[in-house]
Protein backbone atom coordinates (compact mmCIF):
# COMPACT_ATOMS: atom_id res chain seq x y z
CA MET A 1 213.82 62.35 63.20
CA LEU A 2 214.87 58.76 62.76
CA THR A 3 216.27 56.53 65.48
CA SER A 4 219.50 54.63 64.84
CA LYS A 5 217.53 51.37 64.57
CA GLN A 6 215.21 52.87 61.94
CA ARG A 7 218.15 54.37 60.06
CA ALA A 8 219.92 50.98 60.02
CA HIS A 9 216.77 49.29 58.71
CA LEU A 10 216.41 51.86 55.91
CA ARG A 11 220.12 51.59 55.04
CA SER A 12 219.80 47.82 54.67
CA MET A 13 216.75 48.25 52.42
CA ALA A 14 218.56 50.78 50.23
CA GLN A 15 221.59 48.55 49.62
CA SER A 16 219.90 46.87 46.67
CA TYR A 17 218.60 50.15 45.21
CA SER A 18 220.19 51.86 42.23
CA PRO A 19 220.34 55.65 42.07
CA ILE A 20 217.26 57.07 40.35
CA PHE A 21 218.68 60.59 39.97
CA TYR A 22 222.11 62.08 39.47
CA ILE A 23 223.09 65.60 40.48
CA GLY A 24 225.47 67.03 37.85
CA LYS A 25 227.13 70.27 36.87
CA LEU A 26 223.86 72.24 36.94
CA GLY A 27 223.60 71.52 40.66
CA ILE A 28 220.39 71.45 42.67
CA THR A 29 217.78 73.33 40.66
CA ASP A 30 214.11 73.85 41.45
CA GLU A 31 213.23 71.34 38.72
CA VAL A 32 215.46 68.68 40.29
CA VAL A 33 213.89 69.32 43.70
CA HIS A 34 210.40 69.05 42.16
CA GLN A 35 211.24 65.73 40.47
CA LEU A 36 212.79 64.38 43.67
CA ASP A 37 209.69 65.43 45.61
CA ASN A 38 207.52 63.42 43.21
CA ALA A 39 209.83 60.42 43.46
CA ILE A 40 210.00 60.43 47.24
CA ASN A 41 206.19 60.78 47.43
CA ALA A 42 205.85 57.61 45.37
CA ARG A 43 208.69 55.54 46.87
CA GLU A 44 209.47 56.98 50.33
CA LEU A 45 213.10 55.78 50.04
CA ILE A 46 215.32 56.94 47.18
CA LYS A 47 218.99 56.76 46.29
CA ILE A 48 220.68 59.66 44.49
CA GLY A 49 224.14 59.92 42.94
CA VAL A 50 226.40 62.95 42.69
CA GLN A 51 228.54 63.19 39.57
CA GLU A 52 232.17 64.27 39.70
CA ASN A 53 231.49 67.55 37.88
CA CYS A 54 228.98 68.67 40.55
CA GLU A 55 229.96 71.57 42.79
CA TYR A 56 228.59 69.75 45.86
CA THR A 57 229.89 66.76 47.76
CA ALA A 58 227.41 63.96 48.41
CA ARG A 59 227.04 65.10 52.06
CA GLU A 60 226.35 68.71 51.05
CA ALA A 61 223.83 67.66 48.40
CA ALA A 62 222.11 65.28 50.82
CA ASP A 63 221.77 67.98 53.47
CA ILE A 64 220.47 70.61 51.03
CA ILE A 65 217.95 68.33 49.33
CA ALA A 66 216.79 66.77 52.61
CA GLU A 67 216.09 70.23 54.00
CA LYS A 68 214.18 71.31 50.88
CA LEU A 69 212.09 68.12 50.83
CA GLY A 70 211.57 67.78 54.57
CA ALA A 71 213.23 64.37 54.36
CA ASP A 72 215.86 62.53 56.40
CA ALA A 73 219.31 61.74 55.01
CA VAL A 74 219.66 58.05 55.83
CA ALA A 75 223.17 57.37 54.52
CA VAL A 76 225.95 58.96 52.52
CA ILE A 77 228.41 56.53 50.95
CA GLY A 78 230.98 57.77 48.48
CA ARG A 79 229.17 59.78 45.80
CA LYS A 80 225.71 58.40 46.63
CA PHE A 81 223.17 59.15 49.32
CA VAL A 82 219.82 57.84 50.49
CA LEU A 83 216.82 59.94 51.52
CA TYR A 84 213.65 58.87 53.34
CA ARG A 85 210.36 60.66 53.87
CA GLN A 86 207.19 58.96 54.99
CA SER A 87 204.38 59.31 52.46
CA ARG A 88 201.90 62.00 53.39
CA ASP A 89 199.06 59.79 52.19
CA PRO A 90 198.50 56.92 54.68
CA LYS A 91 197.15 54.72 51.88
CA LYS A 92 200.42 55.02 49.91
CA ARG A 93 202.78 54.17 52.76
CA VAL A 94 205.08 51.35 51.73
CA ILE A 95 207.67 51.27 54.51
CA GLU A 96 206.66 50.49 58.07
CA LEU A 97 209.05 51.73 60.76
CA GLU A 98 208.88 50.83 64.42
């Protein structure tokens, strides 16, 4: 669970990020979850977009994916959302939180 200070720090970091995945009309499949798991392992902080033809809102998609990945939903803005999960490998940790 992130504190509000940590969440604000992560939100400010993610401002310059572009979405690396888009959730479309096929929704949240196991393959999408697997790819997102690989991405969040490598980066710790990722931004995802939700296309208009998706059955989920950005908030719904963020909550579902965060639960499946064991991640925290940092921010939901419009049709985009940001997820954070600390790397499980201490040597690969990129983001230091207080």
